[in-house]
Amino acid sequence: MAGIYTMRDLATNAVFQVEVPAFVLSYPYQSN
């Protein structure tokens, strides 16, 4: 159970770390 939660937590952190900077970097291009 704990192992599954850890894997989900790592996956969530990985998605967060990838998508947030990508969104921030792409925002100026979308506004222009």
Protein backbone atom coordinates (compact mmCIF):
# COMPACT_ATOMS: atom_id res chain seq x y z
CA MET A 1 0.00 0.00 0.00
CA ALA A 2 2.73 2.42 1.00
CA GLY A 3 4.76 1.47 -2.07
CA ILE A 4 1.82 2.21 -4.37
CA TYR A 5 1.25 5.57 -2.69
CA THR A 6 4.94 6.41 -3.08
CA MET A 7 4.85 5.62 -6.79
CA ARG A 8 1.71 7.73 -7.27
CA ASP A 9 3.31 10.57 -5.30
CA LEU A 10 6.47 10.43 -7.43
CA ALA A 11 4.40 10.38 -10.61
CA THR A 12 2.34 13.36 -9.44
CA ASN A 13 5.48 15.30 -8.55
CA ALA A 14 7.04 14.48 -11.93
CA VAL A 15 3.95 15.67 -13.81
CA PHE A 16 3.79 18.83 -11.69
CA GLN A 17 7.47 19.63 -12.26
CA VAL A 18 7.12 19.12 -16.02
CA GLU A 19 3.77 20.76 -16.73
CA VAL A 20 4.10 23.87 -14.56
CA PRO A 21 7.37 25.17 -16.10
CA ALA A 22 6.07 24.27 -19.57
CA PHE A 23 2.90 26.29 -18.93
CA VAL A 24 4.85 29.25 -17.53
CA LEU A 25 7.30 29.22 -20.45
CA SER A 26 4.53 28.90 -23.05
CA TYR A 27 2.33 31.64 -21.53
CA PRO A 28 4.21 34.60 -23.08
CA TYR A 29 4.03 32.95 -26.50
CA GLN A 30 0.27 32.46 -26.14
CA SER A 31 -0.29 36.07 -25.02
CA ASN A 32 1.61 37.36 -28.04
